[in-house]
Amino acid sequence: MMASQYQYLFVGGILGELLSFSFVASYFKETQSLLEAQGAKNVSIYQPNSFKTAEDNARELSAEINRLWQTHGQKVILFCHSKGCLEAMFSLMERPELFRTAVHRVFCVQPPFKGSSLTEKRPGVMRSRVVNRAYRASAKVWPGIRCLKKNAYTSYFEKMARTRSDIVALVEEKVVTVKGAKYDAERVAWILKVSHQLLWQGGNETDGLLSLRDQEMPGFNVREVKIPMDHSDLFTSSKISNEDLAFKSDVLQRLLALA
């Protein structure tokens, strides 16, 4: 595949607005440059409002996809990360005609399709109880973080898969799920050390925020690829991630081969 055939849109997750600053994490910036180095001409970054829920942000994402389609006339490949994957799925299910026409592929990288196992109760594990209490307190004032509640959207996806054969065909044609888990604990990003350890203690293969099970799409039979990486590795800079540009470039090439 020639990278210049398509245009590209990175869709961010929770706190994407903050992580975008170069002095924090340069969210997507290095990956954008690598994609352009591989021949991509039109590469955009879109940060949904991380305060809002995924379903509330879906309309704005659809408008951005339509704007790119109308502007450049090339089909869009989406690289969605974390909560951004939920925005993309709600957009697809609300505007299937747009995705049929304007979108070539949707890469859902480390998607919280089943929420995060970090929000599960673990009796007797003090650090886990602290994490759960912090989550519940945040969810009261931060609607966007409610998207990470365990199985927050599982029944919705399963219902769509049962009742909308047109959506099933579209999802299974367009979507590739990119699941991550980091097996070398020493190379996990500093910001994810504690949560990575908590999930491993619970018996979960994890990227530090999501277990592999969390990243499965309920109800739909989509293509999947599994890559050894933590939740920060593909899209943030060395200020957070412990992986280098060669790692990011290799993953991008693998994904573009699936496009």
C-alpha atoms as a PDB file:
ATOM      1  CA  MET A   1       0.000   0.000   0.000  1.00  0.00           C
ATOM      2  CA  MET A   2       1.241   3.501  -0.837  1.00  0.00           C
ATOM      3  CA  ALA A   3       0.762   5.774   2.161  1.00  0.00           C
ATOM      4  CA  SER A   4      -0.095   8.720  -0.104  1.00  0.00           C
ATOM      5  CA  GLN A   5      -3.282   6.962  -1.311  1.00  0.00           C
ATOM      6  CA  TYR A   6      -5.130   7.963   1.838  1.00  0.00           C
ATOM      7  CA  GLN A   7      -5.392  10.711   4.415  1.00  0.00           C
ATOM      8  CA  TYR A   8      -4.993   9.995   8.095  1.00  0.00           C
ATOM      9  CA  LEU A   9      -6.659  11.070  11.303  1.00  0.00           C
ATOM     10  CA  PHE A  10      -5.336  10.368  14.791  1.00  0.00           C
ATOM     11  CA  VAL A  11      -8.101  10.354  17.404  1.00  0.00           C
ATOM     12  CA  GLY A  12      -6.997  10.861  21.007  1.00  0.00           C
ATOM     13  CA  GLY A  13      -8.075   9.437  24.312  1.00  0.00           C
ATOM     14  CA  ILE A  14      -8.642  10.838  27.792  1.00  0.00           C
ATOM     15  CA  LEU A  15      -6.373  13.796  28.638  1.00  0.00           C
ATOM     16  CA  GLY A  16      -5.287  14.001  25.008  1.00  0.00           C
ATOM     17  CA  GLU A  17      -5.475  17.786  25.215  1.00  0.00           C
ATOM     18  CA  LEU A  18      -2.873  17.821  28.005  1.00  0.00           C
ATOM     19  CA  LEU A  19      -0.680  15.069  26.567  1.00  0.00           C
ATOM     20  CA  SER A  20      -0.442  16.992  23.282  1.00  0.00           C
ATOM     21  CA  PHE A  21       1.901  19.584  24.788  1.00  0.00           C
ATOM     22  CA  SER A  22       5.518  18.866  23.823  1.00  0.00           C
ATOM     23  CA  PHE A  23       6.730  19.315  27.396  1.00  0.00           C
ATOM     24  CA  VAL A  24       4.260  16.627  28.565  1.00  0.00           C
ATOM     25  CA  ALA A  25       4.192  13.833  25.982  1.00  0.00           C
ATOM     26  CA  SER A  26       3.912  15.179  22.386  1.00  0.00           C
ATOM     27  CA  TYR A  27       0.860  12.952  21.979  1.00  0.00           C
ATOM     28  CA  PHE A  28       0.735  11.612  18.372  1.00  0.00           C
ATOM     29  CA  LYS A  29       3.395  14.093  17.174  1.00  0.00           C
ATOM     30  CA  GLU A  30       6.252  11.616  16.718  1.00  0.00           C
ATOM     31  CA  THR A  31       3.956   9.033  15.155  1.00  0.00           C
ATOM     32  CA  GLN A  32       2.583  11.688  12.806  1.00  0.00           C
ATOM     33  CA  SER A  33       6.108  12.544  11.642  1.00  0.00           C
ATOM     34  CA  LEU A  34       6.922   8.877  11.083  1.00  0.00           C
ATOM     35  CA  LEU A  35       3.769   8.424   9.031  1.00  0.00           C
ATOM     36  CA  GLU A  36       4.639  11.454   6.902  1.00  0.00           C
ATOM     37  CA  ALA A  37       8.148  10.047   6.430  1.00  0.00           C
ATOM     38  CA  GLN A  38       6.511   6.939   4.959  1.00  0.00           C
ATOM     39  CA  GLY A  39       4.826   9.075   2.302  1.00  0.00           C
ATOM     40  CA  ALA A  40       1.554  10.227   3.878  1.00  0.00           C
ATOM     41  CA  LYS A  41       0.568  13.701   2.666  1.00  0.00           C
ATOM     42  CA  ASN A  42      -2.418  14.660   4.784  1.00  0.00           C
ATOM     43  CA  VAL A  43      -2.128  13.682   8.458  1.00  0.00           C
ATOM     44  CA  SER A  44      -4.369  15.323  11.065  1.00  0.00           C
ATOM     45  CA  ILE A  45      -4.722  15.038  14.827  1.00  0.00           C
ATOM     46  CA  TYR A  46      -8.085  15.319  16.546  1.00  0.00           C
ATOM     47  CA  GLN A  47      -8.561  15.417  20.292  1.00  0.00           C
ATOM     48  CA  PRO A  48     -12.145  14.730  21.430  1.00  0.00           C
ATOM     49  CA  ASN A  49     -13.213  16.561  24.557  1.00  0.00           C
ATOM     50  CA  SER A  50     -11.907  14.220  27.247  1.00  0.00           C
ATOM     51  CA  PHE A  51     -14.345  15.660  29.777  1.00  0.00           C
ATOM     52  CA  LYS A  52     -17.332  14.429  27.729  1.00  0.00           C
ATOM     53  CA  THR A  53     -18.507  10.862  27.208  1.00  0.00           C
ATOM     54  CA  ALA A  54     -17.730   9.052  23.963  1.00  0.00           C
ATOM     55  CA  GLU A  55     -21.322   9.159  22.755  1.00  0.00           C
ATOM     56  CA  ASP A  56     -21.462  12.918  23.356  1.00  0.00           C
ATOM     57  CA  ASN A  57     -18.322  13.415  21.235  1.00  0.00           C
ATOM     58  CA  ALA A  58     -19.376  11.200  18.338  1.00  0.00           C
ATOM     59  CA  ARG A  59     -21.125  13.903  16.317  1.00  0.00           C
ATOM     60  CA  GLU A  60     -18.081  16.198  16.384  1.00  0.00           C
ATOM     61  CA  LEU A  61     -15.810  13.378  15.236  1.00  0.00           C
ATOM     62  CA  SER A  62     -18.156  12.568  12.364  1.00  0.00           C
ATOM     63  CA  ALA A  63     -18.079  16.235  11.346  1.00  0.00           C
ATOM     64  CA  GLU A  64     -14.274  16.195  11.338  1.00  0.00           C
ATOM     65  CA  ILE A  65     -14.160  13.060   9.181  1.00  0.00           C
ATOM     66  CA  ASN A  66     -16.641  14.601   6.747  1.00  0.00           C
ATOM     67  CA  ARG A  67     -14.609  17.840   6.633  1.00  0.00           C
ATOM     68  CA  LEU A  68     -11.443  15.947   5.714  1.00  0.00           C
ATOM     69  CA  TRP A  69     -13.294  13.923   3.081  1.00  0.00           C
ATOM     70  CA  GLN A  70     -14.777  17.037   1.498  1.00  0.00           C
ATOM     71  CA  THR A  71     -11.472  18.917   1.653  1.00  0.00           C
ATOM     72  CA  HIS A  72      -9.044  16.361   0.233  1.00  0.00           C
ATOM     73  CA  GLY A  73     -11.254  13.815  -1.536  1.00  0.00           C
ATOM     74  CA  GLN A  74      -9.210  10.892  -0.196  1.00  0.00           C
ATOM     75  CA  LYS A  75     -10.560   8.166   2.021  1.00  0.00           C
ATOM     76  CA  VAL A  76      -9.565   8.472   5.658  1.00  0.00           C
ATOM     77  CA  ILE A  77      -7.628   5.951   7.742  1.00  0.00           C
ATOM     78  CA  LEU A  78      -8.262   6.496  11.441  1.00  0.00           C
ATOM     79  CA  PHE A  79      -5.746   5.675  14.151  1.00  0.00           C
ATOM     80  CA  CYS A  80      -7.813   5.842  17.317  1.00  0.00           C
ATOM     81  CA  HIS A  81      -6.287   5.432  20.751  1.00  0.00           C
ATOM     82  CA  SER A  82      -7.906   4.389  24.010  1.00  0.00           C
ATOM     83  CA  LYS A  83     -11.191   6.264  24.581  1.00  0.00           C
ATOM     84  CA  GLY A  84     -10.888   7.664  21.047  1.00  0.00           C
ATOM     85  CA  CYS A  85     -11.801   4.170  19.843  1.00  0.00           C
ATOM     86  CA  LEU A  86     -15.172   4.495  21.574  1.00  0.00           C
ATOM     87  CA  GLU A  87     -15.804   7.840  19.874  1.00  0.00           C
ATOM     88  CA  ALA A  88     -15.017   6.220  16.539  1.00  0.00           C
ATOM     89  CA  MET A  89     -17.403   3.315  17.124  1.00  0.00           C
ATOM     90  CA  PHE A  90     -20.252   5.581  18.183  1.00  0.00           C
ATOM     91  CA  SER A  91     -19.593   7.751  15.115  1.00  0.00           C
ATOM     92  CA  LEU A  92     -19.649   4.699  12.854  1.00  0.00           C
ATOM     93  CA  MET A  93     -22.881   3.389  14.350  1.00  0.00           C
ATOM     94  CA  GLU A  94     -24.593   6.780  14.109  1.00  0.00           C
ATOM     95  CA  ARG A  95     -23.252   7.686  10.635  1.00  0.00           C
ATOM     96  CA  PRO A  96     -22.687   4.385   8.814  1.00  0.00           C
ATOM     97  CA  GLU A  97     -23.144   6.003   5.398  1.00  0.00           C
ATOM     98  CA  LEU A  98     -20.259   8.393   6.128  1.00  0.00           C
ATOM     99  CA  PHE A  99     -17.948   5.528   7.093  1.00  0.00           C
ATOM    100  CA  ARG A 100     -18.923   3.498   4.021  1.00  0.00           C
ATOM    101  CA  THR A 101     -18.074   6.414   1.762  1.00  0.00           C
ATOM    102  CA  ALA A 102     -15.281   8.357   3.434  1.00  0.00           C
ATOM    103  CA  VAL A 103     -13.400   5.893   5.667  1.00  0.00           C
ATOM    104  CA  HIS A 104     -11.067   3.175   4.453  1.00  0.00           C
ATOM    105  CA  ARG A 105      -9.956   1.666   7.774  1.00  0.00           C
ATOM    106  CA  VAL A 106     -10.393   2.222  11.514  1.00  0.00           C
ATOM    107  CA  PHE A 107      -7.486   1.089  13.665  1.00  0.00           C
ATOM    108  CA  CYS A 108      -8.669   0.878  17.263  1.00  0.00           C
ATOM    109  CA  VAL A 109      -5.452   0.886  19.263  1.00  0.00           C
ATOM    110  CA  GLN A 110      -5.836  -0.367  22.842  1.00  0.00           C
ATOM    111  CA  PRO A 111      -9.584   0.265  22.960  1.00  0.00           C
ATOM    112  CA  PRO A 112     -11.499   0.150  26.266  1.00  0.00           C
ATOM    113  CA  PHE A 113     -14.394  -1.640  24.580  1.00  0.00           C
ATOM    114  CA  LYS A 114     -15.179  -3.492  27.816  1.00  0.00           C
ATOM    115  CA  GLY A 115     -14.011  -0.704  30.100  1.00  0.00           C
ATOM    116  CA  SER A 116     -10.988  -1.114  32.345  1.00  0.00           C
ATOM    117  CA  SER A 117     -10.367  -3.950  34.771  1.00  0.00           C
ATOM    118  CA  LEU A 118      -8.858  -1.319  37.077  1.00  0.00           C
ATOM    119  CA  THR A 119     -12.428  -0.324  37.987  1.00  0.00           C
ATOM    120  CA  GLU A 120     -13.269  -3.825  39.234  1.00  0.00           C
ATOM    121  CA  LYS A 121     -13.447  -4.341  42.966  1.00  0.00           C
ATOM    122  CA  ARG A 122     -10.653  -6.435  44.438  1.00  0.00           C
ATOM    123  CA  PRO A 123     -11.434  -7.227  48.063  1.00  0.00           C
ATOM    124  CA  GLY A 124      -8.390  -7.342  50.292  1.00  0.00           C
ATOM    125  CA  VAL A 125      -6.058  -5.459  47.938  1.00  0.00           C
ATOM    126  CA  MET A 126      -5.494  -2.051  49.514  1.00  0.00           C
ATOM    127  CA  ARG A 127      -3.887  -0.311  46.515  1.00  0.00           C
ATOM    128  CA  SER A 128      -6.662  -1.579  44.274  1.00  0.00           C
ATOM    129  CA  ARG A 129      -9.290  -0.187  46.636  1.00  0.00           C
ATOM    130  CA  VAL A 130      -7.546   3.181  46.545  1.00  0.00           C
ATOM    131  CA  VAL A 131      -7.581   3.147  42.722  1.00  0.00           C
ATOM    132  CA  ASN A 132     -11.281   2.220  42.668  1.00  0.00           C
ATOM    133  CA  ARG A 133     -12.191   4.955  45.129  1.00  0.00           C
ATOM    134  CA  ALA A 134     -10.271   7.509  43.073  1.00  0.00           C
ATOM    135  CA  TYR A 135     -12.100   6.346  39.943  1.00  0.00           C
ATOM    136  CA  ARG A 136     -15.544   6.581  41.563  1.00  0.00           C
ATOM    137  CA  ALA A 137     -14.807  10.057  42.929  1.00  0.00           C
ATOM    138  CA  SER A 138     -13.563  11.270  39.537  1.00  0.00           C
ATOM    139  CA  ALA A 139     -16.556   9.783  37.697  1.00  0.00           C
ATOM    140  CA  LYS A 140     -18.940  11.957  39.696  1.00  0.00           C
ATOM    141  CA  VAL A 141     -17.516  15.150  38.224  1.00  0.00           C
ATOM    142  CA  TRP A 142     -15.817  13.860  35.058  1.00  0.00           C
ATOM    143  CA  PRO A 143     -18.340  12.275  32.658  1.00  0.00           C
ATOM    144  CA  GLY A 144     -15.654  11.183  30.213  1.00  0.00           C
ATOM    145  CA  ILE A 145     -13.978   8.865  32.666  1.00  0.00           C
ATOM    146  CA  ARG A 146     -17.222   6.923  33.107  1.00  0.00           C
ATOM    147  CA  CYS A 147     -16.425   5.356  29.727  1.00  0.00           C
ATOM    148  CA  LEU A 148     -13.736   3.330  31.510  1.00  0.00           C
ATOM    149  CA  LYS A 149     -16.141   1.637  33.901  1.00  0.00           C
ATOM    150  CA  LYS A 150     -15.995  -2.120  33.499  1.00  0.00           C
ATOM    151  CA  ASN A 151     -18.505  -3.192  30.802  1.00  0.00           C
ATOM    152  CA  ALA A 152     -19.896   0.348  30.443  1.00  0.00           C
ATOM    153  CA  TYR A 153     -20.821  -0.300  26.784  1.00  0.00           C
ATOM    154  CA  THR A 154     -20.708  -4.082  26.514  1.00  0.00           C
ATOM    155  CA  SER A 155     -24.486  -4.553  26.359  1.00  0.00           C
ATOM    156  CA  TYR A 156     -24.825  -1.716  23.817  1.00  0.00           C
ATOM    157  CA  PHE A 157     -22.285  -3.273  21.437  1.00  0.00           C
ATOM    158  CA  GLU A 158     -23.820  -6.717  21.849  1.00  0.00           C
ATOM    159  CA  LYS A 159     -27.295  -5.364  21.083  1.00  0.00           C
ATOM    160  CA  MET A 160     -26.044  -3.619  17.928  1.00  0.00           C
ATOM    161  CA  ALA A 161     -24.372  -6.846  16.832  1.00  0.00           C
ATOM    162  CA  ARG A 162     -27.651  -8.770  17.313  1.00  0.00           C
ATOM    163  CA  THR A 163     -30.025  -6.286  15.720  1.00  0.00           C
ATOM    164  CA  ARG A 164     -28.126  -4.383  13.009  1.00  0.00           C
ATOM    165  CA  SER A 165     -26.758  -6.672  10.332  1.00  0.00           C
ATOM    166  CA  ASP A 166     -25.740  -3.638   8.255  1.00  0.00           C
ATOM    167  CA  ILE A 167     -23.613  -2.317  11.131  1.00  0.00           C
ATOM    168  CA  VAL A 168     -22.079  -5.762  11.678  1.00  0.00           C
ATOM    169  CA  ALA A 169     -20.953  -5.923   8.054  1.00  0.00           C
ATOM    170  CA  LEU A 170     -19.518  -2.408   8.200  1.00  0.00           C
ATOM    171  CA  VAL A 171     -17.668  -2.896  11.483  1.00  0.00           C
ATOM    172  CA  GLU A 172     -16.182  -6.197  10.397  1.00  0.00           C
ATOM    173  CA  GLU A 173     -15.086  -4.691   7.072  1.00  0.00           C
ATOM    174  CA  LYS A 174     -13.552  -1.474   8.416  1.00  0.00           C
ATOM    175  CA  VAL A 175     -12.275  -2.096  11.949  1.00  0.00           C
ATOM    176  CA  VAL A 176      -8.981  -3.604  13.089  1.00  0.00           C
ATOM    177  CA  THR A 177      -8.407  -3.903  16.837  1.00  0.00           C
ATOM    178  CA  VAL A 178      -4.811  -3.407  17.957  1.00  0.00           C
ATOM    179  CA  LYS A 179      -4.450  -4.990  21.390  1.00  0.00           C
ATOM    180  CA  GLY A 180      -1.480  -4.256  23.615  1.00  0.00           C
ATOM    181  CA  ALA A 181       0.133  -5.952  26.605  1.00  0.00           C
ATOM    182  CA  LYS A 182       3.577  -5.312  28.082  1.00  0.00           C
ATOM    183  CA  TYR A 183       5.378  -8.404  29.313  1.00  0.00           C
ATOM    184  CA  ASP A 184       8.678  -6.744  30.266  1.00  0.00           C
ATOM    185  CA  ALA A 185       7.653  -4.927  33.438  1.00  0.00           C
ATOM    186  CA  GLU A 186      10.979  -3.091  33.583  1.00  0.00           C
ATOM    187  CA  ARG A 187      10.139  -1.288  30.340  1.00  0.00           C
ATOM    188  CA  VAL A 188       6.662  -0.159  31.373  1.00  0.00           C
ATOM    189  CA  ALA A 189       6.287   3.644  31.376  1.00  0.00           C
ATOM    190  CA  TRP A 190       6.836   5.237  34.778  1.00  0.00           C
ATOM    191  CA  ILE A 191       3.298   6.651  34.813  1.00  0.00           C
ATOM    192  CA  LEU A 192       1.844   3.118  34.451  1.00  0.00           C
ATOM    193  CA  LYS A 193       4.033   1.177  36.882  1.00  0.00           C
ATOM    194  CA  VAL A 194       1.499   0.894  39.709  1.00  0.00           C
ATOM    195  CA  SER A 195      -1.559   0.130  37.575  1.00  0.00           C
ATOM    196  CA  HIS A 196       0.401  -2.377  35.484  1.00  0.00           C
ATOM    197  CA  GLN A 197       1.424  -4.200  38.642  1.00  0.00           C
ATOM    198  CA  LEU A 198      -2.131  -4.203  40.007  1.00  0.00           C
ATOM    199  CA  LEU A 199      -3.542  -5.776  36.871  1.00  0.00           C
ATOM    200  CA  TRP A 200      -0.788  -8.389  36.658  1.00  0.00           C
ATOM    201  CA  GLN A 201      -1.457  -9.297  40.280  1.00  0.00           C
ATOM    202  CA  GLY A 202      -5.066  -9.859  39.304  1.00  0.00           C
ATOM    203  CA  GLY A 203      -4.004 -12.340  36.639  1.00  0.00           C
ATOM    204  CA  ASN A 204      -4.469 -10.004  33.669  1.00  0.00           C
ATOM    205  CA  GLU A 205      -2.183  -9.590  30.673  1.00  0.00           C
ATOM    206  CA  THR A 206      -2.208  -5.819  30.473  1.00  0.00           C
ATOM    207  CA  ASP A 207      -0.884  -2.653  28.873  1.00  0.00           C
ATOM    208  CA  GLY A 208      -1.024  -0.897  32.239  1.00  0.00           C
ATOM    209  CA  LEU A 209      -4.553   0.491  31.935  1.00  0.00           C
ATOM    210  CA  LEU A 210      -6.440  -2.236  30.085  1.00  0.00           C
ATOM    211  CA  SER A 211      -6.253  -5.996  30.129  1.00  0.00           C
ATOM    212  CA  LEU A 212      -6.301  -7.889  26.850  1.00  0.00           C
ATOM    213  CA  ARG A 213      -9.875  -8.916  27.683  1.00  0.00           C
ATOM    214  CA  ASP A 214     -10.855  -5.261  28.094  1.00  0.00           C
ATOM    215  CA  GLN A 215      -9.689  -4.585  24.537  1.00  0.00           C
ATOM    216  CA  GLU A 216     -11.981  -7.167  22.910  1.00  0.00           C
ATOM    217  CA  MET A 217     -14.997  -5.832  21.014  1.00  0.00           C
ATOM    218  CA  PRO A 218     -18.219  -7.404  22.345  1.00  0.00           C
ATOM    219  CA  GLY A 219     -20.467  -9.001  19.749  1.00  0.00           C
ATOM    220  CA  PHE A 220     -18.400  -8.295  16.631  1.00  0.00           C
ATOM    221  CA  ASN A 221     -15.888 -10.525  14.876  1.00  0.00           C
ATOM    222  CA  VAL A 222     -13.237  -7.979  13.920  1.00  0.00           C
ATOM    223  CA  ARG A 223      -9.662  -8.512  12.822  1.00  0.00           C
ATOM    224  CA  GLU A 224      -7.182  -8.324  15.690  1.00  0.00           C
ATOM    225  CA  VAL A 225      -3.456  -7.879  16.038  1.00  0.00           C
ATOM    226  CA  LYS A 226      -1.612  -8.149  19.364  1.00  0.00           C
ATOM    227  CA  ILE A 227       1.540  -6.107  20.000  1.00  0.00           C
ATOM    228  CA  PRO A 228       3.780  -6.121  23.102  1.00  0.00           C
ATOM    229  CA  MET A 229       3.418  -2.504  24.261  1.00  0.00           C
ATOM    230  CA  ASP A 230       2.076  -0.531  27.174  1.00  0.00           C
ATOM    231  CA  HIS A 231      -0.663   2.066  26.917  1.00  0.00           C
ATOM    232  CA  SER A 232       1.798   4.882  26.198  1.00  0.00           C
ATOM    233  CA  ASP A 233       4.250   3.302  23.768  1.00  0.00           C
ATOM    234  CA  LEU A 234       2.909   3.961  20.287  1.00  0.00           C
ATOM    235  CA  PHE A 235       1.766   7.569  20.559  1.00  0.00           C
ATOM    236  CA  THR A 236       3.653   9.402  23.330  1.00  0.00           C
ATOM    237  CA  SER A 237       7.236  10.652  23.459  1.00  0.00           C
ATOM    238  CA  SER A 238      10.159   9.468  25.559  1.00  0.00           C
ATOM    239  CA  LYS A 239       9.007  11.777  28.340  1.00  0.00           C
ATOM    240  CA  ILE A 240       6.580   8.954  29.165  1.00  0.00           C
ATOM    241  CA  SER A 241       7.190   5.926  26.939  1.00  0.00           C
ATOM    242  CA  ASN A 242      10.292   3.748  27.180  1.00  0.00           C
ATOM    243  CA  GLU A 243      10.104   2.732  23.502  1.00  0.00           C
ATOM    244  CA  ASP A 244      11.967   4.537  20.733  1.00  0.00           C
ATOM    245  CA  LEU A 245      11.162   5.779  17.235  1.00  0.00           C
ATOM    246  CA  ALA A 246      12.245   2.484  15.677  1.00  0.00           C
ATOM    247  CA  PHE A 247       9.560   0.695  17.685  1.00  0.00           C
ATOM    248  CA  LYS A 248       6.872   3.162  16.576  1.00  0.00           C
ATOM    249  CA  SER A 249       7.968   2.967  12.953  1.00  0.00           C
ATOM    250  CA  ASP A 250       7.870  -0.831  12.965  1.00  0.00           C
ATOM    251  CA  VAL A 251       4.355  -0.896  14.461  1.00  0.00           C
ATOM    252  CA  LEU A 252       3.115   1.668  11.937  1.00  0.00           C
ATOM    253  CA  GLN A 253       4.472  -0.409   9.058  1.00  0.00           C
ATOM    254  CA  ARG A 254       2.736  -3.491  10.428  1.00  0.00           C
ATOM    255  CA  LEU A 255      -0.563  -1.662  10.665  1.00  0.00           C
ATOM    256  CA  LEU A 256      -0.315  -0.041   7.251  1.00  0.00           C
ATOM    257  CA  ALA A 257       0.203  -3.517   5.804  1.00  0.00           C
ATOM    258  CA  LEU A 258      -3.250  -4.357   7.192  1.00  0.00           C
ATOM    259  CA  ALA A 259      -4.874  -1.270   5.702  1.00  0.00           C
END
